[in-house]
PDB file of N, CA and C in Angstrom:
ATOM      1  N   MET A   1     151.348 131.471  72.004  1.00  0.00           N
ATOM      2  CA  MET A   1     151.265 130.362  72.907  1.00  0.00           C
ATOM      3  C   MET A   1     150.930 129.111  72.090  1.00  0.00           C
ATOM      4  N   VAL A   2     151.667 128.098  72.342  1.00  0.00           N
ATOM      5  CA  VAL A   2     151.496 126.850  71.609  1.00  0.00           C
ATOM      6  C   VAL A   2     150.806 125.865  72.536  1.00  0.00           C
ATOM      7  N   ARG A   3     149.725 125.294  72.022  1.00  0.00           N
ATOM      8  CA  ARG A   3     148.990 124.316  72.836  1.00  0.00           C
ATOM      9  C   ARG A   3     149.439 122.925  72.459  1.00  0.00           C
ATOM     10  N   LYS A   4     149.706 122.183  73.497  1.00  0.00           N
ATOM     11  CA  LYS A   4     150.099 120.797  73.282  1.00  0.00           C
ATOM     12  C   LYS A   4     148.831 119.962  73.134  1.00  0.00           C
ATOM     13  N   LYS A   5     148.793 119.155  72.116  1.00  0.00           N
ATOM     14  CA  LYS A   5     147.627 118.335  71.846  1.00  0.00           C
ATOM     15  C   LYS A   5     147.637 117.136  72.798  1.00  0.00           C
ATOM     16  N   LEU A   6     146.492 116.933  73.488  1.00  0.00           N
ATOM     17  CA  LEU A   6     146.389 115.809  74.427  1.00  0.00           C
ATOM     18  C   LEU A   6     146.037 114.538  73.666  1.00  0.00           C
ATOM     19  N   PRO A   7     146.640 113.457  74.093  1.00  0.00           N
ATOM     20  CA  PRO A   7     146.310 112.178  73.450  1.00  0.00           C
ATOM     21  C   PRO A   7     144.857 111.788  73.750  1.00  0.00           C
ATOM     22  N   LYS A   8     144.265 111.036  72.821  1.00  0.00           N
ATOM     23  CA  LYS A   8     142.866 110.624  72.964  1.00  0.00           C
ATOM     24  C   LYS A   8     142.652 109.773  74.199  1.00  0.00           C
ATOM     25  N   LYS A   9     143.648 108.986  74.587  1.00  0.00           N
ATOM     26  CA  LYS A   9     143.508 108.136  75.773  1.00  0.00           C
ATOM     27  C   LYS A   9     143.354 108.987  77.029  1.00  0.00           C
ATOM     28  N   GLU A  10     144.103 110.071  77.137  1.00  0.00           N
ATOM     29  CA  GLU A  10     144.007 110.935  78.305  1.00  0.00           C
ATOM     30  C   GLU A  10     142.658 111.648  78.345  1.00  0.00           C
ATOM     31  N   ILE A  11     142.210 112.086  77.170  1.00  0.00           N
ATOM     32  CA  ILE A  11     140.895 112.737  77.107  1.00  0.00           C
ATOM     33  C   ILE A  11     139.805 111.737  77.496  1.00  0.00           C
ATOM     34  N   ALA A  12     139.879 110.528  76.996  1.00  0.00           N
ATOM     35  CA  ALA A  12     138.880 109.501  77.318  1.00  0.00           C
ATOM     36  C   ALA A  12     138.928 109.154  78.810  1.00  0.00           C
ATOM     37  N   ALA A  13     140.141 109.058  79.386  1.00  0.00           N
ATOM     38  CA  ALA A  13     140.281 108.746  80.814  1.00  0.00           C
ATOM     39  C   ALA A  13     139.692 109.876  81.659  1.00  0.00           C
ATOM     40  N   ALA A  14     139.971 111.133  81.282  1.00  0.00           N
ATOM     41  CA  ALA A  14     139.428 112.273  82.028  1.00  0.00           C
ATOM     42  C   ALA A  14     137.911 112.312  81.917  1.00  0.00           C
ATOM     43  N   ALA A  15     137.390 112.074  80.721  1.00  0.00           N
ATOM     44  CA  ALA A  15     135.938 112.058  80.530  1.00  0.00           C
ATOM     45  C   ALA A  15     135.307 110.926  81.344  1.00  0.00           C
ATOM     46  N   GLY A  16     135.979 109.786  81.371  1.00  0.00           N
ATOM     47  CA  GLY A  16     135.468 108.651  82.154  1.00  0.00           C
ATOM     48  C   GLY A  16     135.438 108.971  83.634  1.00  0.00           C
ATOM     49  N   CYS A  17     136.492 109.625  84.133  1.00  0.00           N
ATOM     50  CA  CYS A  17     136.529 110.010  85.550  1.00  0.00           C
ATOM     51  C   CYS A  17     135.426 111.014  85.880  1.00  0.00           C
ATOM     52  N   ILE A  18     135.248 111.984  84.994  1.00  0.00           N
ATOM     53  CA  ILE A  18     134.196 112.977  85.218  1.00  0.00           C
ATOM     54  C   ILE A  18     132.827 112.303  85.186  1.00  0.00           C
ATOM     55  N   LEU A  19     132.611 111.414  84.237  1.00  0.00           N
ATOM     56  CA  LEU A  19     131.335 110.692  84.137  1.00  0.00           C
ATOM     57  C   LEU A  19     131.095 109.844  85.379  1.00  0.00           C
ATOM     58  N   LEU A  20     132.142 109.189  85.869  1.00  0.00           N
ATOM     59  CA  LEU A  20     132.022 108.372  87.080  1.00  0.00           C
ATOM     60  C   LEU A  20     131.685 109.245  88.283  1.00  0.00           C
ATOM     61  N   ALA A  21     132.330 110.406  88.390  1.00  0.00           N
ATOM     62  CA  ALA A  21     132.048 111.315  89.504  1.00  0.00           C
ATOM     63  C   ALA A  21     130.607 111.816  89.445  1.00  0.00           C
ATOM     64  N   VAL A  22     130.137 112.195  88.261  1.00  0.00           N
ATOM     65  CA  VAL A  22     128.759 112.673  88.108  1.00  0.00           C
ATOM     66  C   VAL A  22     127.778 111.550  88.431  1.00  0.00           C
ATOM     67  N   ALA A  23     128.057 110.345  87.971  1.00  0.00           N
ATOM     68  CA  ALA A  23     127.178 109.202  88.250  1.00  0.00           C
ATOM     69  C   ALA A  23     127.141 108.914  89.751  1.00  0.00           C
ATOM     70  N   THR A  24     128.291 108.979  90.413  1.00  0.00           N
ATOM     71  CA  THR A  24     128.350 108.726  91.851  1.00  0.00           C
ATOM     72  C   THR A  24     127.549 109.783  92.615  1.00  0.00           C
ATOM     73  N   LEU A  25     127.722 111.041  92.263  1.00  0.00           N
ATOM     74  CA  LEU A  25     126.968 112.114  92.925  1.00  0.00           C
ATOM     75  C   LEU A  25     125.469 111.987  92.663  1.00  0.00           C
ATOM     76  N   THR A  26     125.107 111.635  91.446  1.00  0.00           N
ATOM     77  CA  THR A  26     123.692 111.452  91.109  1.00  0.00           C
ATOM     78  C   THR A  26     123.094 110.324  91.943  1.00  0.00           C
ATOM     79  N   PHE A  27     123.827 109.205  92.043  1.00  0.00           N
ATOM     80  CA  PHE A  27     123.354 108.082  92.846  1.00  0.00           C
ATOM     81  C   PHE A  27     123.220 108.487  94.305  1.00  0.00           C
ATOM     82  N   TYR A  28     124.169 109.244  94.840  1.00  0.00           N
ATOM     83  CA  TYR A  28     124.137 109.672  96.235  1.00  0.00           C
ATOM     84  C   TYR A  28     122.912 110.544  96.501  1.00  0.00           C
ATOM     85  N   VAL A  29     122.675 111.507  95.627  1.00  0.00           N
ATOM     86  CA  VAL A  29     121.515 112.397  95.796  1.00  0.00           C
ATOM     87  C   VAL A  29     120.218 111.595  95.700  1.00  0.00           C
ATOM     88  N   TRP A  30     120.128 110.674  94.738  1.00  0.00           N
ATOM     89  CA  TRP A  30     118.932 109.833  94.605  1.00  0.00           C
ATOM     90  C   TRP A  30     118.724 109.002  95.869  1.00  0.00           C
ATOM     91  N   HIS A  31     119.811 108.430  96.373  1.00  0.00           N
ATOM     92  CA  HIS A  31     119.740 107.585  97.570  1.00  0.00           C
ATOM     93  C   HIS A  31     119.238 108.402  98.763  1.00  0.00           C
ATOM     94  N   GLN A  32     119.779 109.591  98.957  1.00  0.00           N
ATOM     95  CA  GLN A  32     119.356 110.432 100.070  1.00  0.00           C
ATOM     96  C   GLN A  32     117.874 110.805  99.945  1.00  0.00           C
ATOM     97  N   ALA A  33     117.445 111.133  98.741  1.00  0.00           N
ATOM     98  CA  ALA A  33     116.031 111.475  98.524  1.00  0.00           C
ATOM     99  C   ALA A  33     115.139 110.274  98.825  1.00  0.00           C
ATOM    100  N   ALA A  34     115.572 109.081  98.434  1.00  0.00           N
ATOM    101  CA  ALA A  34     114.789 107.869  98.699  1.00  0.00           C
ATOM    102  C   ALA A  34     114.702 107.601 100.196  1.00  0.00           C
ATOM    103  N   VAL A  35     115.789 107.807 100.917  1.00  0.00           N
ATOM    104  CA  VAL A  35     115.790 107.592 102.370  1.00  0.00           C
ATOM    105  C   VAL A  35     114.822 108.568 103.040  1.00  0.00           C
ATOM    106  N   ILE A  36     114.838 109.816 102.615  1.00  0.00           N
ATOM    107  CA  ILE A  36     113.930 110.815 103.182  1.00  0.00           C
ATOM    108  C   ILE A  36     112.479 110.445 102.883  1.00  0.00           C
ATOM    109  N   GLN A  37     112.199 110.021 101.670  1.00  0.00           N
ATOM    110  CA  GLN A  37     110.835 109.632 101.289  1.00  0.00           C
ATOM    111  C   GLN A  37     110.360 108.442 102.115  1.00  0.00           C
ATOM    112  N   ILE A  38     111.225 107.472 102.310  1.00  0.00           N
ATOM    113  CA  ILE A  38     110.864 106.296 103.120  1.00  0.00           C
ATOM    114  C   ILE A  38     110.609 106.720 104.564  1.00  0.00           C
ATOM    115  N   GLY A  39     111.388 107.666 105.064  1.00  0.00           N
ATOM    116  CA  GLY A  39     111.159 108.180 106.417  1.00  0.00           C
ATOM    117  C   GLY A  39     109.789 108.812 106.554  1.00  0.00           C
ATOM    118  N   PHE A  40     109.385 109.615 105.555  1.00  0.00           N
ATOM    119  CA  PHE A  40     108.060 110.224 105.585  1.00  0.00           C
ATOM    120  C   PHE A  40     106.966 109.159 105.525  1.00  0.00           C
ATOM    121  N   GLN A  41     107.139 108.157 104.673  1.00  0.00           N
ATOM    122  CA  GLN A  41     106.147 107.087 104.567  1.00  0.00           C
ATOM    123  C   GLN A  41     106.038 106.329 105.888  1.00  0.00           C
ATOM    124  N   THR A  42     107.172 106.063 106.507  1.00  0.00           N
ATOM    125  CA  THR A  42     107.178 105.356 107.788  1.00  0.00           C
ATOM    126  C   THR A  42     106.434 106.163 108.841  1.00  0.00           C
ATOM    127  N   SER A  43     106.675 107.448 108.866  1.00  0.00           N
ATOM    128  CA  SER A  43     106.005 108.316 109.832  1.00  0.00           C
ATOM    129  C   SER A  43     104.500 108.310 109.615  1.00  0.00           C
ATOM    130  N   ARG A  44     104.058 108.419 108.366  1.00  0.00           N
ATOM    131  CA  ARG A  44     102.619 108.396 108.072  1.00  0.00           C
ATOM    132  C   ARG A  44     101.994 107.056 108.477  1.00  0.00           C
ATOM    133  N   LEU A  45     102.704 105.965 108.191  1.00  0.00           N
ATOM    134  CA  LEU A  45     102.163 104.645 108.534  1.00  0.00           C
ATOM    135  C   LEU A  45     102.095 104.445 110.042  1.00  0.00           C
ATOM    136  N   GLU A  46     103.071 104.963 110.778  1.00  0.00           N
ATOM    137  CA  GLU A  46     103.039 104.859 112.238  1.00  0.00           C
ATOM    138  C   GLU A  46     101.872 105.660 112.807  1.00  0.00           C
ATOM    139  N   GLU A  47     101.606 106.837 112.244  1.00  0.00           N
ATOM    140  CA  GLU A  47     100.464 107.631 112.683  1.00  0.00           C
ATOM    141  C   GLU A  47      99.158 106.894 112.383  1.00  0.00           C
ATOM    142  N   ARG A  48      99.076 106.291 111.213  1.00  0.00           N
ATOM    143  CA  ARG A  48      97.871 105.553 110.840  1.00  0.00           C
ATOM    144  C   ARG A  48      97.665 104.358 111.770  1.00  0.00           C
ATOM    145  N   ARG A  49      98.754 103.649 112.073  1.00  0.00           N
ATOM    146  CA  ARG A  49      98.659 102.495 112.969  1.00  0.00           C
ATOM    147  C   ARG A  49      98.183 102.931 114.354  1.00  0.00           C
ATOM    148  N   ALA A  50      98.719 104.044 114.853  1.00  0.00           N
ATOM    149  CA  ALA A  50      98.289 104.546 116.162  1.00  0.00           C
ATOM    150  C   ALA A  50      96.803 104.892 116.137  1.00  0.00           C
ATOM    151  N   GLY A  51      96.347 105.506 115.052  1.00  0.00           N
ATOM    152  CA  GLY A  51      94.927 105.826 114.923  1.00  0.00           C
ATOM    153  C   GLY A  51      94.065 104.581 114.893  1.00  0.00           C
ATOM    154  N   LEU A  52      94.529 103.558 114.176  1.00  0.00           N
ATOM    155  CA  LEU A  52      93.769 102.301 114.109  1.00  0.00           C
ATOM    156  C   LEU A  52      93.731 101.601 115.465  1.00  0.00           C
ATOM    157  N   GLU A  53      94.829 101.678 116.210  1.00  0.00           N
ATOM    158  CA  GLU A  53      94.842 101.071 117.544  1.00  0.00           C
ATOM    159  C   GLU A  53      93.845 101.777 118.461  1.00  0.00           C
ATOM    160  N   GLU A  54      93.768 103.104 118.356  1.00  0.00           N
ATOM    161  CA  GLU A  54      92.782 103.852 119.143  1.00  0.00           C
ATOM    162  C   GLU A  54      91.359 103.457 118.742  1.00  0.00           C
ATOM    163  N   GLU A  55      91.135 103.306 117.440  1.00  0.00           N
ATOM    164  CA  GLU A  55      89.811 102.914 116.964  1.00  0.00           C
ATOM    165  C   GLU A  55      89.445 101.513 117.456  1.00  0.00           C
ATOM    166  N   ILE A  56      90.418 100.615 117.478  1.00  0.00           N
ATOM    167  CA  ILE A  56      90.176  99.256 117.984  1.00  0.00           C
ATOM    168  C   ILE A  56      89.772  99.311 119.456  1.00  0.00           C
ATOM    169  N   LYS A  57      90.483 100.124 120.248  1.00  0.00           N
ATOM    170  CA  LYS A  57      90.140 100.250 121.671  1.00  0.00           C
ATOM    171  C   LYS A  57      88.714 100.776 121.838  1.00  0.00           C
ATOM    172  N   LYS A  58      88.350 101.781 121.035  1.00  0.00           N
ATOM    173  CA  LYS A  58      87.002 102.350 121.111  1.00  0.00           C
ATOM    174  C   LYS A  58      85.962 101.302 120.734  1.00  0.00           C
ATOM    175  N   LEU A  59      86.227 100.552 119.661  1.00  0.00           N
ATOM    176  CA  LEU A  59      85.273  99.528 119.235  1.00  0.00           C
ATOM    177  C   LEU A  59      85.145  98.412 120.266  1.00  0.00           C
ATOM    178  N   GLU A  60      86.243  98.048 120.917  1.00  0.00           N
ATOM    179  CA  GLU A  60      86.167  97.021 121.960  1.00  0.00           C
ATOM    180  C   GLU A  60      85.344  97.515 123.142  1.00  0.00           C
ATOM    181  N   THR A  61      85.491  98.798 123.471  1.00  0.00           N
ATOM    182  CA  THR A  61      84.683  99.382 124.548  1.00  0.00           C
ATOM    183  C   THR A  61      83.211  99.379 124.161  1.00  0.00           C
ATOM    184  N   ASP A  62      82.915  99.778 122.918  1.00  0.00           N
ATOM    185  CA  ASP A  62      81.528  99.756 122.435  1.00  0.00           C
ATOM    186  C   ASP A  62      80.957  98.341 122.465  1.00  0.00           C
ATOM    187  N   LYS A  63      81.761  97.374 122.045  1.00  0.00           N
ATOM    188  CA  LYS A  63      81.310  95.978 122.032  1.00  0.00           C
ATOM    189  C   LYS A  63      80.984  95.511 123.446  1.00  0.00           C
ATOM    190  N   ALA A  64      81.871  95.833 124.388  1.00  0.00           N
ATOM    191  CA  ALA A  64      81.631  95.421 125.772  1.00  0.00           C
ATOM    192  C   ALA A  64      80.338  96.042 126.312  1.00  0.00           C
ATOM    193  N   ALA A  65      80.100  97.322 125.957  1.00  0.00           N
ATOM    194  CA  ALA A  65      78.878  97.977 126.427  1.00  0.00           C
ATOM    195  C   ALA A  65      77.643  97.337 125.796  1.00  0.00           C
ATOM    196  N   LEU A  66      77.732  96.996 124.511  1.00  0.00           N
ATOM    197  CA  LEU A  66      76.574  96.392 123.830  1.00  0.00           C
ATOM    198  C   LEU A  66      76.284  94.980 124.328  1.00  0.00           C
ATOM    199  N   LEU A  67      77.321  94.264 124.750  1.00  0.00           N
ATOM    200  CA  LEU A  67      77.131  92.884 125.206  1.00  0.00           C
ATOM    201  C   LEU A  67      76.999  92.768 126.724  1.00  0.00           C
ATOM    202  N   ALA A  68      76.881  93.894 127.417  1.00  0.00           N
ATOM    203  CA  ALA A  68      76.742  93.862 128.875  1.00  0.00           C
ATOM    204  C   ALA A  68      75.502  93.055 129.249  1.00  0.00           C
ATOM    205  N   PRO A  69      75.637  92.143 130.198  1.00  0.00           N
ATOM    206  CA  PRO A  69      74.494  91.292 130.572  1.00  0.00           C
ATOM    207  C   PRO A  69      73.252  92.086 130.983  1.00  0.00           C
ATOM    208  N   VAL A  70      73.428  93.198 131.667  1.00  0.00           N
ATOM    209  CA  VAL A  70      72.278  94.002 132.095  1.00  0.00           C
ATOM    210  C   VAL A  70      71.528  94.531 130.868  1.00  0.00           C
ATOM    211  N   ARG A  71      72.255  95.000 129.855  1.00  0.00           N
ATOM    212  CA  ARG A  71      71.634  95.528 128.635  1.00  0.00           C
ATOM    213  C   ARG A  71      70.921  94.412 127.870  1.00  0.00           C
ATOM    214  N   VAL A  72      71.589  93.260 127.749  1.00  0.00           N
ATOM    215  CA  VAL A  72      70.989  92.136 127.030  1.00  0.00           C
ATOM    216  C   VAL A  72      69.716  91.677 127.739  1.00  0.00           C
ATOM    217  N   ASP A  73      69.754  91.618 129.065  1.00  0.00           N
ATOM    218  CA  ASP A  73      68.584  91.205 129.830  1.00  0.00           C
ATOM    219  C   ASP A  73      67.432  92.203 129.643  1.00  0.00           C
ATOM    220  N   ARG A  74      67.731  93.502 129.659  1.00  0.00           N
ATOM    221  CA  ARG A  74      66.702  94.526 129.482  1.00  0.00           C
ATOM    222  C   ARG A  74      66.054  94.404 128.102  1.00  0.00           C
ATOM    223  N   ILE A  75      66.871  94.227 127.049  1.00  0.00           N
ATOM    224  CA  ILE A  75      66.329  94.090 125.694  1.00  0.00           C
ATOM    225  C   ILE A  75      65.479  92.830 125.582  1.00  0.00           C
ATOM    226  N   ALA A  76      65.960  91.736 126.191  1.00  0.00           N
ATOM    227  CA  ALA A  76      65.214  90.474 126.135  1.00  0.00           C
ATOM    228  C   ALA A  76      63.840  90.625 126.794  1.00  0.00           C
ATOM    229  N   ARG A  77      63.794  91.317 127.915  1.00  0.00           N
ATOM    230  CA  ARG A  77      62.523  91.459 128.639  1.00  0.00           C
ATOM    231  C   ARG A  77      61.607  92.511 127.998  1.00  0.00           C
ATOM    232  N   GLU A  78      62.178  93.700 127.717  1.00  0.00           N
ATOM    233  CA  GLU A  78      61.343  94.818 127.269  1.00  0.00           C
ATOM    234  C   GLU A  78      60.997  94.769 125.778  1.00  0.00           C
ATOM    235  N   GLU A  79      61.968  94.455 124.956  1.00  0.00           N
ATOM    236  CA  GLU A  79      61.743  94.510 123.509  1.00  0.00           C
ATOM    237  C   GLU A  79      61.280  93.174 122.925  1.00  0.00           C
ATOM    238  N   LEU A  80      61.787  92.087 123.500  1.00  0.00           N
ATOM    239  CA  LEU A  80      61.430  90.776 122.954  1.00  0.00           C
ATOM    240  C   LEU A  80      60.350  90.065 123.769  1.00  0.00           C
ATOM    241  N   GLY A  81      60.060  90.603 124.945  1.00  0.00           N
ATOM    242  CA  GLY A  81      59.005  90.021 125.770  1.00  0.00           C
ATOM    243  C   GLY A  81      59.367  88.686 126.389  1.00  0.00           C
ATOM    244  N   LEU A  82      60.623  88.411 126.546  1.00  0.00           N
ATOM    245  CA  LEU A  82      61.034  87.144 127.146  1.00  0.00           C
ATOM    246  C   LEU A  82      60.896  87.212 128.660  1.00  0.00           C
ATOM    247  N   VAL A  83      60.619  86.054 129.270  1.00  0.00           N
ATOM    248  CA  VAL A  83      60.472  85.963 130.730  1.00  0.00           C
ATOM    249  C   VAL A  83      61.295  84.780 131.223  1.00  0.00           C
ATOM    250  N   GLU A  84      61.470  84.743 132.542  1.00  0.00           N
ATOM    251  CA  GLU A  84      62.188  83.608 133.148  1.00  0.00           C
ATOM    252  C   GLU A  84      61.362  82.340 132.929  1.00  0.00           C
ATOM    253  N   PRO A  85      61.978  81.196 132.686  1.00  0.00           N
ATOM    254  CA  PRO A  85      61.218  79.948 132.511  1.00  0.00           C
ATOM    255  C   PRO A  85      60.625  79.501 133.845  1.00  0.00           C
ATOM    256  N   GLN A  86      59.489  78.874 133.765  1.00  0.00           N
ATOM    257  CA  GLN A  86      58.847  78.312 134.950  1.00  0.00           C
ATOM    258  C   GLN A  86      59.557  77.004 135.301  1.00  0.00           C
ATOM    259  N   PRO A  87      59.533  76.622 136.556  1.00  0.00           N
ATOM    260  CA  PRO A  87      60.243  75.391 136.950  1.00  0.00           C
ATOM    261  C   PRO A  87      59.812  74.167 136.142  1.00  0.00           C
ATOM    262  N   GLU A  88      58.525  74.067 135.780  1.00  0.00           N
ATOM    263  CA  GLU A  88      58.073  72.897 135.021  1.00  0.00           C
ATOM    264  C   GLU A  88      58.543  72.930 133.564  1.00  0.00           C
ATOM    265  N   GLN A  89      59.057  74.072 133.109  1.00  0.00           N
ATOM    266  CA  GLN A  89      59.551  74.167 131.743  1.00  0.00           C
ATOM    267  C   GLN A  89      61.018  73.743 131.635  1.00  0.00           C
ATOM    268  N   LEU A  90      61.688  73.582 132.742  1.00  0.00           N
ATOM    269  CA  LEU A  90      63.100  73.212 132.739  1.00  0.00           C
ATOM    270  C   LEU A  90      63.262  71.719 132.512  1.00  0.00           C
ATOM    271  N   ILE A  91      64.169  71.356 131.654  1.00  0.00           N
ATOM    272  CA  ILE A  91      64.477  69.953 131.375  1.00  0.00           C
ATOM    273  C   ILE A  91      65.956  69.768 131.664  1.00  0.00           C
ATOM    274  N   TYR A  92      66.252  68.821 132.530  1.00  0.00           N
ATOM    275  CA  TYR A  92      67.635  68.555 132.897  1.00  0.00           C
ATOM    276  C   TYR A  92      68.118  67.338 132.140  1.00  0.00           C
ATOM    277  N   GLU A  93      69.326  67.395 131.649  1.00  0.00           N
ATOM    278  CA  GLU A  93      69.890  66.294 130.877  1.00  0.00           C
ATOM    279  C   GLU A  93      71.128  65.782 131.607  1.00  0.00           C
ATOM    280  N   ASP A  94      71.247  64.480 131.647  1.00  0.00           N
ATOM    281  CA  ASP A  94      72.402  63.866 132.282  1.00  0.00           C
ATOM    282  C   ASP A  94      73.592  64.014 131.347  1.00  0.00           C
ATOM    283  N   THR A  95      74.618  64.688 131.794  1.00  0.00           N
ATOM    284  CA  THR A  95      75.777  64.935 130.951  1.00  0.00           C
ATOM    285  C   THR A  95      76.940  64.022 131.297  1.00  0.00           C
ATOM    286  N   ARG A  96      76.738  63.078 132.209  1.00  0.00           N
ATOM    287  CA  ARG A  96      77.811  62.132 132.541  1.00  0.00           C
ATOM    288  C   ARG A  96      77.962  61.118 131.420  1.00  0.00           C
ATOM    289  N   PRO A  97      79.167  60.605 131.240  1.00  0.00           N
ATOM    290  CA  PRO A  97      79.364  59.553 130.212  1.00  0.00           C
ATOM    291  C   PRO A  97      78.462  58.343 130.503  1.00  0.00           C
ATOM    292  N   ALA A  98      78.108  57.635 129.456  1.00  0.00           N
ATOM    293  CA  ALA A  98      77.144  56.523 129.551  1.00  0.00           C
ATOM    294  C   ALA A  98      77.614  55.410 130.485  1.00  0.00           C
ATOM    295  N   ASN A  99      78.904  55.164 130.599  1.00  0.00           N
ATOM    296  CA  ASN A  99      79.400  54.037 131.388  1.00  0.00           C
ATOM    297  C   ASN A  99      79.613  54.394 132.863  1.00  0.00           C
ATOM    298  N   SER A 100      79.264  55.559 133.295  1.00  0.00           N
ATOM    299  CA  SER A 100      79.505  55.942 134.689  1.00  0.00           C
ATOM    300  C   SER A 100      78.180  56.185 135.422  1.00  0.00           C
ATOM    301  N   HIS A 101      77.217  55.266 135.305  1.00  0.00           N
ATOM    302  CA  HIS A 101      75.957  55.396 136.040  1.00  0.00           C
ATOM    303  C   HIS A 101      76.206  54.966 137.474  1.00  0.00           C
ATOM    304  N   GLU A 102      76.028  55.857 138.377  1.00  0.00           N
ATOM    305  CA  GLU A 102      76.260  55.548 139.792  1.00  0.00           C
ATOM    306  C   GLU A 102      75.000  55.584 140.568  1.00  0.00           C
TER     307      GLU A 102
END
């Protein structure tokens, strides 16, 4: 059997095509892996955001309970010893503009 020798240009063209195909497949696989990784990251971040939103709601509820007027009044009276002012201790200030004395 006699083998016909292939010209260098044909060998180079075939090698180039094979290299291009391998590069394209490598890029495709890398791209798919990157998309999957980004999907996982997105999912984790969405879960974290949902957890933070729940924590914010809990903290807002705690804040409202701590700032409740009944609680503040109880602490002021029992822990700080504050009392209602006597009528003679009240000072009223005129808040009308200076040019509107009626």
